[in-house]
PDB file of N, CA and C in Angstrom:
ATOM      1  N   MET A   1       7.725  10.025  14.979  1.00  0.00           N
ATOM      2  CA  MET A   1       7.330   8.825  14.289  1.00  0.00           C
ATOM      3  C   MET A   1       8.499   7.868  14.070  1.00  0.00           C
ATOM      4  N   ASP A   2       9.702   8.295  14.436  1.00  0.00           N
ATOM      5  CA  ASP A   2      10.846   7.405  14.301  1.00  0.00           C
ATOM      6  C   ASP A   2      10.772   6.242  15.279  1.00  0.00           C
ATOM      7  N   LEU A   3       9.957   6.371  16.300  1.00  0.00           N
ATOM      8  CA  LEU A   3       9.866   5.326  17.314  1.00  0.00           C
ATOM      9  C   LEU A   3       8.842   4.242  16.978  1.00  0.00           C
ATOM     10  N   LEU A   4       8.081   4.416  15.919  1.00  0.00           N
ATOM     11  CA  LEU A   4       7.085   3.407  15.556  1.00  0.00           C
ATOM     12  C   LEU A   4       7.701   2.032  15.279  1.00  0.00           C
ATOM     13  N   PRO A   5       8.793   1.933  14.511  1.00  0.00           N
ATOM     14  CA  PRO A   5       9.381   0.601  14.312  1.00  0.00           C
ATOM     15  C   PRO A   5       9.871  -0.021  15.623  1.00  0.00           C
ATOM     16  N   LEU A   6      10.436   0.795  16.495  1.00  0.00           N
ATOM     17  CA  LEU A   6      10.898   0.279  17.784  1.00  0.00           C
ATOM     18  C   LEU A   6       9.726  -0.193  18.637  1.00  0.00           C
ATOM     19  N   LEU A   7       8.650   0.586  18.680  1.00  0.00           N
ATOM     20  CA  LEU A   7       7.461   0.196  19.443  1.00  0.00           C
ATOM     21  C   LEU A   7       6.856  -1.084  18.874  1.00  0.00           C
ATOM     22  N   PHE A   8       6.800  -1.178  17.550  1.00  0.00           N
ATOM     23  CA  PHE A   8       6.211  -2.348  16.905  1.00  0.00           C
ATOM     24  C   PHE A   8       7.005  -3.613  17.213  1.00  0.00           C
ATOM     25  N   THR A   9       8.325  -3.565  17.031  1.00  0.00           N
ATOM     26  CA  THR A   9       9.122  -4.761  17.282  1.00  0.00           C
ATOM     27  C   THR A   9       9.162  -5.101  18.768  1.00  0.00           C
ATOM     28  N   THR A  10       9.177  -4.097  19.626  1.00  0.00           N
ATOM     29  CA  THR A  10       9.139  -4.354  21.069  1.00  0.00           C
ATOM     30  C   THR A  10       7.821  -5.003  21.464  1.00  0.00           C
ATOM     31  N   ALA A  11       6.728  -4.545  20.877  1.00  0.00           N
ATOM     32  CA  ALA A  11       5.423  -5.132  21.176  1.00  0.00           C
ATOM     33  C   ALA A  11       5.368  -6.598  20.742  1.00  0.00           C
ATOM     34  N   LEU A  12       5.918  -6.897  19.581  1.00  0.00           N
ATOM     35  CA  LEU A  12       5.909  -8.287  19.118  1.00  0.00           C
ATOM     36  C   LEU A  12       6.789  -9.176  19.988  1.00  0.00           C
ATOM     37  N   VAL A  13       7.945  -8.670  20.388  1.00  0.00           N
ATOM     38  CA  VAL A  13       8.826  -9.452  21.256  1.00  0.00           C
ATOM     39  C   VAL A  13       8.178  -9.661  22.621  1.00  0.00           C
ATOM     40  N   ALA A  14       7.560  -8.610  23.163  1.00  0.00           N
ATOM     41  CA  ALA A  14       6.883  -8.743  24.459  1.00  0.00           C
ATOM     42  C   ALA A  14       5.741  -9.746  24.372  1.00  0.00           C
ATOM     43  N   TYR A  15       5.006  -9.738  23.268  1.00  0.00           N
ATOM     44  CA  TYR A  15       3.920 -10.702  23.092  1.00  0.00           C
ATOM     45  C   TYR A  15       4.459 -12.120  23.068  1.00  0.00           C
ATOM     46  N   LEU A  16       5.522 -12.338  22.307  1.00  0.00           N
ATOM     47  CA  LEU A  16       6.086 -13.685  22.211  1.00  0.00           C
ATOM     48  C   LEU A  16       6.660 -14.163  23.541  1.00  0.00           C
ATOM     49  N   LEU A  17       7.300 -13.271  24.283  1.00  0.00           N
ATOM     50  CA  LEU A  17       7.856 -13.662  25.580  1.00  0.00           C
ATOM     51  C   LEU A  17       6.767 -13.947  26.613  1.00  0.00           C
ATOM     52  N   ALA A  18       5.627 -13.273  26.483  1.00  0.00           N
ATOM     53  CA  ALA A  18       4.540 -13.467  27.437  1.00  0.00           C
ATOM     54  C   ALA A  18       3.663 -14.666  27.093  1.00  0.00           C
ATOM     55  N   LEU A  19       3.922 -15.329  25.985  1.00  0.00           N
ATOM     56  CA  LEU A  19       3.108 -16.478  25.600  1.00  0.00           C
ATOM     57  C   LEU A  19       3.316 -17.687  26.506  1.00  0.00           C
ATOM     58  N   GLY A  20       4.423 -17.740  27.209  1.00  0.00           N
ATOM     59  CA  GLY A  20       4.767 -18.925  27.971  1.00  0.00           C
ATOM     60  C   GLY A  20       3.949 -19.170  29.216  1.00  0.00           C
ATOM     61  N   SER A  21       3.186 -18.218  29.671  1.00  0.00           N
ATOM     62  CA  SER A  21       2.470 -18.385  30.928  1.00  0.00           C
ATOM     63  C   SER A  21       1.031 -17.909  30.782  1.00  0.00           C
ATOM     64  N   ALA A  22       0.191 -18.405  31.666  1.00  0.00           N
ATOM     65  CA  ALA A  22      -1.230 -18.047  31.604  1.00  0.00           C
ATOM     66  C   ALA A  22      -1.655 -17.193  32.787  1.00  0.00           C
ATOM     67  N   ASP A  23      -0.701 -16.630  33.531  1.00  0.00           N
ATOM     68  CA  ASP A  23      -1.103 -15.813  34.672  1.00  0.00           C
ATOM     69  C   ASP A  23      -1.637 -14.461  34.207  1.00  0.00           C
ATOM     70  N   LEU A  24      -2.248 -13.745  35.129  1.00  0.00           N
ATOM     71  CA  LEU A  24      -2.947 -12.503  34.794  1.00  0.00           C
ATOM     72  C   LEU A  24      -2.000 -11.436  34.283  1.00  0.00           C
ATOM     73  N   ALA A  25      -0.845 -11.276  34.894  1.00  0.00           N
ATOM     74  CA  ALA A  25       0.079 -10.219  34.486  1.00  0.00           C
ATOM     75  C   ALA A  25       0.560 -10.423  33.053  1.00  0.00           C
ATOM     76  N   ARG A  26       0.892 -11.642  32.710  1.00  0.00           N
ATOM     77  CA  ARG A  26       1.355 -11.892  31.340  1.00  0.00           C
ATOM     78  C   ARG A  26       0.217 -11.789  30.343  1.00  0.00           C
ATOM     79  N   SER A  27      -0.988 -12.089  30.761  1.00  0.00           N
ATOM     80  CA  SER A  27      -2.130 -11.915  29.870  1.00  0.00           C
ATOM     81  C   SER A  27      -2.355 -10.437  29.570  1.00  0.00           C
ATOM     82  N   ILE A  28      -2.195  -9.598  30.579  1.00  0.00           N
ATOM     83  CA  ILE A  28      -2.329  -8.159  30.367  1.00  0.00           C
ATOM     84  C   ILE A  28      -1.214  -7.656  29.460  1.00  0.00           C
ATOM     85  N   ILE A  29      -0.005  -8.167  29.643  1.00  0.00           N
ATOM     86  CA  ILE A  29       1.114  -7.787  28.774  1.00  0.00           C
ATOM     87  C   ILE A  29       0.816  -8.181  27.332  1.00  0.00           C
ATOM     88  N   ARG A  30       0.251  -9.362  27.130  1.00  0.00           N
ATOM     89  CA  ARG A  30      -0.087  -9.803  25.771  1.00  0.00           C
ATOM     90  C   ARG A  30      -1.116  -8.881  25.131  1.00  0.00           C
ATOM     91  N   VAL A  31      -2.145  -8.516  25.886  1.00  0.00           N
ATOM     92  CA  VAL A  31      -3.189  -7.637  25.344  1.00  0.00           C
ATOM     93  C   VAL A  31      -2.604  -6.275  24.986  1.00  0.00           C
ATOM     94  N   LEU A  32      -1.806  -5.709  25.877  1.00  0.00           N
ATOM     95  CA  LEU A  32      -1.212  -4.400  25.604  1.00  0.00           C
ATOM     96  C   LEU A  32      -0.225  -4.456  24.443  1.00  0.00           C
ATOM     97  N   ALA A  33       0.514  -5.544  24.321  1.00  0.00           N
ATOM     98  CA  ALA A  33       1.443  -5.685  23.198  1.00  0.00           C
ATOM     99  C   ALA A  33       0.683  -5.766  21.879  1.00  0.00           C
ATOM    100  N   LEU A  34      -0.410  -6.497  21.864  1.00  0.00           N
ATOM    101  CA  LEU A  34      -1.213  -6.591  20.640  1.00  0.00           C
ATOM    102  C   LEU A  34      -1.824  -5.249  20.268  1.00  0.00           C
ATOM    103  N   LEU A  35      -2.306  -4.518  21.250  1.00  0.00           N
ATOM    104  CA  LEU A  35      -2.879  -3.202  20.963  1.00  0.00           C
ATOM    105  C   LEU A  35      -1.806  -2.219  20.498  1.00  0.00           C
ATOM    106  N   SER A  36      -0.597  -2.318  21.032  1.00  0.00           N
ATOM    107  CA  SER A  36       0.496  -1.459  20.579  1.00  0.00           C
ATOM    108  C   SER A  36       0.875  -1.773  19.131  1.00  0.00           C
ATOM    109  N   ALA A  37       0.946  -3.050  18.803  1.00  0.00           N
ATOM    110  CA  ALA A  37       1.251  -3.438  17.419  1.00  0.00           C
ATOM    111  C   ALA A  37       0.152  -2.956  16.476  1.00  0.00           C
ATOM    112  N   ALA A  38      -1.100  -3.061  16.901  1.00  0.00           N
ATOM    113  CA  ALA A  38      -2.214  -2.591  16.067  1.00  0.00           C
ATOM    114  C   ALA A  38      -2.139  -1.086  15.869  1.00  0.00           C
ATOM    115  N   PHE A  39      -1.776  -0.355  16.934  1.00  0.00           N
ATOM    116  CA  PHE A  39      -1.637   1.099  16.818  1.00  0.00           C
ATOM    117  C   PHE A  39      -0.584   1.457  15.771  1.00  0.00           C
ATOM    118  N   CYS A  40       0.548   0.767  15.802  1.00  0.00           N
ATOM    119  CA  CYS A  40       1.609   1.049  14.834  1.00  0.00           C
ATOM    120  C   CYS A  40       1.151   0.765  13.411  1.00  0.00           C
ATOM    121  N   MET A  41       0.463  -0.343  13.221  1.00  0.00           N
ATOM    122  CA  MET A  41       0.014  -0.692  11.874  1.00  0.00           C
ATOM    123  C   MET A  41      -1.013   0.304  11.349  1.00  0.00           C
ATOM    124  N   VAL A  42      -1.899   0.737  12.212  1.00  0.00           N
ATOM    125  CA  VAL A  42      -2.898   1.723  11.786  1.00  0.00           C
ATOM    126  C   VAL A  42      -2.226   3.073  11.517  1.00  0.00           C
ATOM    127  N   ALA A  43      -1.247   3.453  12.334  1.00  0.00           N
ATOM    128  CA  ALA A  43      -0.530   4.713  12.095  1.00  0.00           C
ATOM    129  C   ALA A  43       0.200   4.669  10.754  1.00  0.00           C
ATOM    130  N   TRP A  44       0.832   3.537  10.456  1.00  0.00           N
ATOM    131  CA  TRP A  44       1.495   3.408   9.160  1.00  0.00           C
ATOM    132  C   TRP A  44       0.499   3.415   8.016  1.00  0.00           C
ATOM    133  N   SER A  45      -0.667   2.821   8.213  1.00  0.00           N
ATOM    134  CA  SER A  45      -1.662   2.812   7.131  1.00  0.00           C
ATOM    135  C   SER A  45      -2.176   4.216   6.867  1.00  0.00           C
ATOM    136  N   VAL A  46      -2.386   4.998   7.921  1.00  0.00           N
ATOM    137  CA  VAL A  46      -2.827   6.384   7.731  1.00  0.00           C
ATOM    138  C   VAL A  46      -1.736   7.186   7.031  1.00  0.00           C
ATOM    139  N   ALA A  47      -0.480   6.939   7.398  1.00  0.00           N
ATOM    140  CA  ALA A  47       0.619   7.637   6.738  1.00  0.00           C
ATOM    141  C   ALA A  47       0.717   7.233   5.266  1.00  0.00           C
ATOM    142  N   LEU A  48       0.467   5.969   4.963  1.00  0.00           N
ATOM    143  CA  LEU A  48       0.490   5.538   3.563  1.00  0.00           C
ATOM    144  C   LEU A  48      -0.666   6.136   2.776  1.00  0.00           C
ATOM    145  N   LEU A  49      -1.822   6.241   3.404  1.00  0.00           N
ATOM    146  CA  LEU A  49      -2.982   6.799   2.697  1.00  0.00           C
ATOM    147  C   LEU A  49      -2.830   8.291   2.441  1.00  0.00           C
ATOM    148  N   SER A  50      -2.003   8.969   3.228  1.00  0.00           N
ATOM    149  CA  SER A  50      -1.710  10.384   2.969  1.00  0.00           C
ATOM    150  C   SER A  50      -0.219  10.553   2.691  1.00  0.00           C
ATOM    151  N   TYR A  51       0.303   9.689   1.844  1.00  0.00           N
ATOM    152  CA  TYR A  51       1.734   9.635   1.556  1.00  0.00           C
ATOM    153  C   TYR A  51       2.248  10.942   0.949  1.00  0.00           C
ATOM    154  N   GLY A  52       1.514  11.516   0.055  1.00  0.00           N
ATOM    155  CA  GLY A  52       1.966  12.731  -0.624  1.00  0.00           C
ATOM    156  C   GLY A  52       1.956  13.966   0.256  1.00  0.00           C
ATOM    157  N   GLU A  53       1.056  14.013   1.228  1.00  0.00           N
ATOM    158  CA  GLU A  53       0.945  15.215   2.056  1.00  0.00           C
ATOM    159  C   GLU A  53       1.957  15.228   3.197  1.00  0.00           C
ATOM    160  N   TRP A  54       1.909  14.246   4.075  1.00  0.00           N
ATOM    161  CA  TRP A  54       2.804  14.238   5.235  1.00  0.00           C
ATOM    162  C   TRP A  54       3.372  12.869   5.558  1.00  0.00           C
ATOM    163  N   GLY A  55       2.916  11.816   4.915  1.00  0.00           N
ATOM    164  CA  GLY A  55       3.270  10.464   5.303  1.00  0.00           C
ATOM    165  C   GLY A  55       4.596   9.933   4.790  1.00  0.00           C
ATOM    166  N   GLN A  56       5.190  10.587   3.810  1.00  0.00           N
ATOM    167  CA  GLN A  56       6.408  10.048   3.212  1.00  0.00           C
ATOM    168  C   GLN A  56       7.553   9.877   4.211  1.00  0.00           C
ATOM    169  N   PRO A  57       7.864  10.847   5.089  1.00  0.00           N
ATOM    170  CA  PRO A  57       8.973  10.619   6.034  1.00  0.00           C
ATOM    171  C   PRO A  57       8.696   9.476   7.016  1.00  0.00           C
ATOM    172  N   VAL A  58       7.434   9.301   7.379  1.00  0.00           N
ATOM    173  CA  VAL A  58       7.080   8.228   8.310  1.00  0.00           C
ATOM    174  C   VAL A  58       7.284   6.874   7.651  1.00  0.00           C
ATOM    175  N   ILE A  59       6.896   6.755   6.407  1.00  0.00           N
ATOM    176  CA  ILE A  59       6.996   5.495   5.679  1.00  0.00           C
ATOM    177  C   ILE A  59       8.445   5.177   5.328  1.00  0.00           C
ATOM    178  N   ASP A  60       9.201   6.181   4.934  1.00  0.00           N
ATOM    179  CA  ASP A  60      10.584   5.955   4.520  1.00  0.00           C
ATOM    180  C   ASP A  60      11.508   5.610   5.685  1.00  0.00           C
ATOM    181  N   ASP A  61      11.086   5.856   6.917  1.00  0.00           N
ATOM    182  CA  ASP A  61      11.909   5.543   8.083  1.00  0.00           C
ATOM    183  C   ASP A  61      11.998   4.043   8.355  1.00  0.00           C
ATOM    184  N   PHE A  62      11.027   3.283   7.927  1.00  0.00           N
ATOM    185  CA  PHE A  62      10.982   1.851   8.233  1.00  0.00           C
ATOM    186  C   PHE A  62      11.058   1.078   6.925  1.00  0.00           C
ATOM    187  N   TYR A  63      11.999   0.143   6.846  1.00  0.00           N
ATOM    188  CA  TYR A  63      12.239  -0.581   5.598  1.00  0.00           C
ATOM    189  C   TYR A  63      11.005  -1.337   5.125  1.00  0.00           C
ATOM    190  N   ALA A  64      10.300  -1.980   6.039  1.00  0.00           N
ATOM    191  CA  ALA A  64       9.150  -2.807   5.641  1.00  0.00           C
ATOM    192  C   ALA A  64       8.046  -1.966   5.006  1.00  0.00           C
ATOM    193  N   THR A  65       7.768  -0.805   5.572  1.00  0.00           N
ATOM    194  CA  THR A  65       6.705   0.027   5.001  1.00  0.00           C
ATOM    195  C   THR A  65       7.144   0.668   3.695  1.00  0.00           C
ATOM    196  N   SER A  66       8.404   1.046   3.597  1.00  0.00           N
ATOM    197  CA  SER A  66       8.872   1.615   2.324  1.00  0.00           C
ATOM    198  C   SER A  66       8.899   0.544   1.231  1.00  0.00           C
ATOM    199  N   TYR A  67       9.190  -0.693   1.612  1.00  0.00           N
ATOM    200  CA  TYR A  67       9.158  -1.791   0.652  1.00  0.00           C
ATOM    201  C   TYR A  67       7.724  -2.028   0.152  1.00  0.00           C
ATOM    202  N   LEU A  68       6.764  -2.046   1.091  1.00  0.00           N
ATOM    203  CA  LEU A  68       5.362  -2.210   0.686  1.00  0.00           C
ATOM    204  C   LEU A  68       4.922  -1.081  -0.232  1.00  0.00           C
ATOM    205  N   GLU A  69       5.319   0.138   0.094  1.00  0.00           N
ATOM    206  CA  GLU A  69       4.922   1.287  -0.717  1.00  0.00           C
ATOM    207  C   GLU A  69       5.523   1.201  -2.111  1.00  0.00           C
ATOM    208  N   SER A  70       6.767   0.751  -2.220  1.00  0.00           N
ATOM    209  CA  SER A  70       7.395   0.673  -3.542  1.00  0.00           C
ATOM    210  C   SER A  70       6.809  -0.458  -4.385  1.00  0.00           C
ATOM    211  N   ARG A  71       6.373  -1.546  -3.746  1.00  0.00           N
ATOM    212  CA  ARG A  71       5.839  -2.686  -4.489  1.00  0.00           C
ATOM    213  C   ARG A  71       4.357  -2.532  -4.836  1.00  0.00           C
ATOM    214  N   LEU A  72       3.561  -2.047  -3.875  1.00  0.00           N
ATOM    215  CA  LEU A  72       2.112  -2.002  -4.075  1.00  0.00           C
ATOM    216  C   LEU A  72       1.584  -0.621  -4.433  1.00  0.00           C
ATOM    217  N   GLY A  73       2.305   0.399  -4.067  1.00  0.00           N
ATOM    218  CA  GLY A  73       1.783   1.754  -4.171  1.00  0.00           C
ATOM    219  C   GLY A  73       1.264   2.181  -2.811  1.00  0.00           C
ATOM    220  N   SER A  74       1.086   3.473  -2.650  1.00  0.00           N
ATOM    221  CA  SER A  74       0.750   3.961  -1.309  1.00  0.00           C
ATOM    222  C   SER A  74      -0.672   3.599  -0.877  1.00  0.00           C
ATOM    223  N   GLU A  75      -1.637   3.734  -1.746  1.00  0.00           N
ATOM    224  CA  GLU A  75      -3.016   3.462  -1.328  1.00  0.00           C
ATOM    225  C   GLU A  75      -3.288   1.974  -1.079  1.00  0.00           C
ATOM    226  N   PRO A  76      -2.917   1.056  -1.985  1.00  0.00           N
ATOM    227  CA  PRO A  76      -3.140  -0.364  -1.676  1.00  0.00           C
ATOM    228  C   PRO A  76      -2.360  -0.836  -0.453  1.00  0.00           C
ATOM    229  N   ALA A  77      -1.134  -0.340  -0.282  1.00  0.00           N
ATOM    230  CA  ALA A  77      -0.349  -0.731   0.887  1.00  0.00           C
ATOM    231  C   ALA A  77      -0.989  -0.195   2.173  1.00  0.00           C
ATOM    232  N   GLY A  78      -1.536   1.015   2.103  1.00  0.00           N
ATOM    233  CA  GLY A  78      -2.228   1.578   3.266  1.00  0.00           C
ATOM    234  C   GLY A  78      -3.459   0.772   3.638  1.00  0.00           C
ATOM    235  N   LEU A  79      -4.221   0.370   2.639  1.00  0.00           N
ATOM    236  CA  LEU A  79      -5.405  -0.450   2.909  1.00  0.00           C
ATOM    237  C   LEU A  79      -5.028  -1.825   3.429  1.00  0.00           C
ATOM    238  N   LEU A  80      -3.915  -2.386   2.922  1.00  0.00           N
ATOM    239  CA  LEU A  80      -3.436  -3.676   3.410  1.00  0.00           C
ATOM    240  C   LEU A  80      -3.030  -3.584   4.880  1.00  0.00           C
ATOM    241  N   LEU A  81      -2.270  -2.547   5.242  1.00  0.00           N
ATOM    242  CA  LEU A  81      -1.869  -2.388   6.637  1.00  0.00           C
ATOM    243  C   LEU A  81      -3.060  -2.093   7.540  1.00  0.00           C
ATOM    244  N   LEU A  82      -4.043  -1.383   7.024  1.00  0.00           N
ATOM    245  CA  LEU A  82      -5.254  -1.134   7.811  1.00  0.00           C
ATOM    246  C   LEU A  82      -5.989  -2.442   8.079  1.00  0.00           C
ATOM    247  N   ALA A  83      -6.092  -3.282   7.059  1.00  0.00           N
ATOM    248  CA  ALA A  83      -6.738  -4.591   7.249  1.00  0.00           C
ATOM    249  C   ALA A  83      -5.923  -5.468   8.193  1.00  0.00           C
ATOM    250  N   LEU A  84      -4.605  -5.440   8.055  1.00  0.00           N
ATOM    251  CA  LEU A  84      -3.754  -6.231   8.941  1.00  0.00           C
ATOM    252  C   LEU A  84      -3.729  -5.670  10.366  1.00  0.00           C
ATOM    253  N   GLY A  85      -4.029  -4.389  10.517  1.00  0.00           N
ATOM    254  CA  GLY A  85      -4.112  -3.798  11.855  1.00  0.00           C
ATOM    255  C   GLY A  85      -5.306  -4.293  12.648  1.00  0.00           C
ATOM    256  N   VAL A  86      -6.300  -4.813  11.945  1.00  0.00           N
ATOM    257  CA  VAL A  86      -7.479  -5.355  12.615  1.00  0.00           C
ATOM    258  C   VAL A  86      -7.159  -6.701  13.281  1.00  0.00           C
ATOM    259  N   VAL A  87      -6.186  -7.428  12.733  1.00  0.00           N
ATOM    260  CA  VAL A  87      -5.847  -8.749  13.260  1.00  0.00           C
ATOM    261  C   VAL A  87      -5.367  -8.691  14.714  1.00  0.00           C
ATOM    262  N   PRO A  88      -4.386  -7.828  15.057  1.00  0.00           N
ATOM    263  CA  PRO A  88      -3.982  -7.783  16.471  1.00  0.00           C
ATOM    264  C   PRO A  88      -5.090  -7.276  17.392  1.00  0.00           C
ATOM    265  N   ILE A  89      -5.953  -6.415  16.872  1.00  0.00           N
ATOM    266  CA  ILE A  89      -7.076  -5.949  17.697  1.00  0.00           C
ATOM    267  C   ILE A  89      -8.003  -7.117  18.014  1.00  0.00           C
ATOM    268  N   CYS A  90      -8.312  -7.925  17.001  1.00  0.00           N
ATOM    269  CA  CYS A  90      -9.169  -9.095  17.236  1.00  0.00           C
ATOM    270  C   CYS A  90      -8.498 -10.100  18.161  1.00  0.00           C
ATOM    271  N   MET A  91      -7.183 -10.276  18.012  1.00  0.00           N
ATOM    272  CA  MET A  91      -6.468 -11.192  18.904  1.00  0.00           C
ATOM    273  C   MET A  91      -6.482 -10.670  20.339  1.00  0.00           C
ATOM    274  N   GLY A  92      -6.352  -9.354  20.511  1.00  0.00           N
ATOM    275  CA  GLY A  92      -6.418  -8.765  21.845  1.00  0.00           C
ATOM    276  C   GLY A  92      -7.792  -8.916  22.469  1.00  0.00           C
ATOM    277  N   LEU A  93      -8.826  -8.715  21.663  1.00  0.00           N
ATOM    278  CA  LEU A  93     -10.186  -8.911  22.165  1.00  0.00           C
ATOM    279  C   LEU A  93     -10.431 -10.365  22.543  1.00  0.00           C
ATOM    280  N   PHE A  94      -9.906 -11.290  21.748  1.00  0.00           N
ATOM    281  CA  PHE A  94     -10.039 -12.710  22.075  1.00  0.00           C
ATOM    282  C   PHE A  94      -9.306 -13.036  23.369  1.00  0.00           C
ATOM    283  N   GLU A  95      -8.126 -12.455  23.544  1.00  0.00           N
ATOM    284  CA  GLU A  95      -7.363 -12.675  24.768  1.00  0.00           C
ATOM    285  C   GLU A  95      -8.118 -12.142  25.991  1.00  0.00           C
ATOM    286  N   MET A  96      -8.753 -10.973  25.845  1.00  0.00           N
ATOM    287  CA  MET A  96      -9.547 -10.432  26.961  1.00  0.00           C
ATOM    288  C   MET A  96     -10.761 -11.316  27.245  1.00  0.00           C
ATOM    289  N   TRP A  97     -11.389 -11.835  26.192  1.00  0.00           N
ATOM    290  CA  TRP A  97     -12.528 -12.741  26.385  1.00  0.00           C
ATOM    291  C   TRP A  97     -12.082 -14.010  27.096  1.00  0.00           C
ATOM    292  N   ARG A  98     -10.917 -14.549  26.692  1.00  0.00           N
ATOM    293  CA  ARG A  98     -10.387 -15.737  27.366  1.00  0.00           C
ATOM    294  C   ARG A  98     -10.077 -15.460  28.822  1.00  0.00           C
ATOM    295  N   LEU A  99      -9.565 -14.274  29.107  1.00  0.00           N
ATOM    296  CA  LEU A  99      -9.294 -13.889  30.497  1.00  0.00           C
ATOM    297  C   LEU A  99     -10.574 -13.866  31.311  1.00  0.00           C
ATOM    298  N   LYS A 100     -11.613 -13.294  30.729  1.00  0.00           N
ATOM    299  CA  LYS A 100     -12.884 -13.165  31.440  1.00  0.00           C
ATOM    300  C   LYS A 100     -13.513 -14.532  31.699  1.00  0.00           C
ATOM    301  N   THR A 101     -13.442 -15.415  30.737  1.00  0.00           N
ATOM    302  CA  THR A 101     -14.078 -16.721  30.916  1.00  0.00           C
ATOM    303  C   THR A 101     -13.221 -17.671  31.750  1.00  0.00           C
ATOM    304  N   ARG A 102     -11.913 -17.459  31.765  1.00  0.00           N
ATOM    305  CA  ARG A 102     -11.027 -18.341  32.503  1.00  0.00           C
ATOM    306  C   ARG A 102     -10.911 -17.942  33.972  1.00  0.00           C
ATOM    307  N   THR A 103     -10.981 -16.664  34.278  1.00  0.00           N
ATOM    308  CA  THR A 103     -10.819 -16.180  35.631  1.00  0.00           C
ATOM    309  C   THR A 103     -12.100 -16.419  36.416  1.00  0.00           C
ATOM    310  N   PRO A 104     -12.025 -17.073  37.556  1.00  0.00           N
ATOM    311  CA  PRO A 104     -13.242 -17.287  38.346  1.00  0.00           C
ATOM    312  C   PRO A 104     -13.768 -15.962  38.890  1.00  0.00           C
ATOM    313  N   SER A 105     -15.064 -15.881  38.961  1.00  0.00           N
ATOM    314  CA  SER A 105     -15.676 -14.637  39.435  1.00  0.00           C
ATOM    315  C   SER A 105     -15.579 -14.552  40.954  1.00  0.00           C
ATOM    316  N   LEU A 106     -15.887 -13.388  41.477  1.00  0.00           N
ATOM    317  CA  LEU A 106     -15.821 -13.182  42.923  1.00  0.00           C
ATOM    318  C   LEU A 106     -16.864 -14.012  43.669  1.00  0.00           C
ATOM    319  N   GLU A 107     -17.987 -14.270  43.037  1.00  0.00           N
ATOM    320  CA  GLU A 107     -19.032 -15.064  43.680  1.00  0.00           C
ATOM    321  C   GLU A 107     -18.548 -16.488  43.935  1.00  0.00           C
ATOM    322  N   GLN A 108     -17.750 -17.030  43.015  1.00  0.00           N
ATOM    323  CA  GLN A 108     -17.240 -18.381  43.203  1.00  0.00           C
ATOM    324  C   GLN A 108     -16.211 -18.433  44.319  1.00  0.00           C
ATOM    325  N   HIS A 109     -15.469 -17.350  44.533  1.00  0.00           N
ATOM    326  CA  HIS A 109     -14.487 -17.302  45.622  1.00  0.00           C
ATOM    327  C   HIS A 109     -15.166 -17.229  46.984  1.00  0.00           C
ATOM    328  N   GLU A 110     -16.337 -16.590  47.041  1.00  0.00           N
ATOM    329  CA  GLU A 110     -17.029 -16.426  48.312  1.00  0.00           C
ATOM    330  C   GLU A 110     -17.637 -17.740  48.794  1.00  0.00           C
ATOM    331  N   ARG A 111     -17.920 -18.638  47.905  1.00  0.00           N
ATOM    332  CA  ARG A 111     -18.564 -19.905  48.279  1.00  0.00           C
ATOM    333  C   ARG A 111     -17.621 -20.861  48.869  1.00  0.00           C
TER     334      ARG A 111
END
């Protein structure tokens, strides 16, 4: 679980770097980066919701999650991260929908 902060920040950087173009490869990179960020947020929320049992080392490894836990408490912070984890998932779904509507279908290429 020590790699969650690295995966999260790498996913955000990859998303920001891929914003500059609208080609298919960068769109796929954006979707995967958003899903990776969502995975990290949901993993942290589950760790916060079970902070007393096994989640404390996972939360204490990353400054942002330990800060949230100290300010809000483990359960409210876990629910907040769970709600915020839905945002990148929705953005990824929107990106896939945009890909589908923007990419011409095979029938249009045949004509």
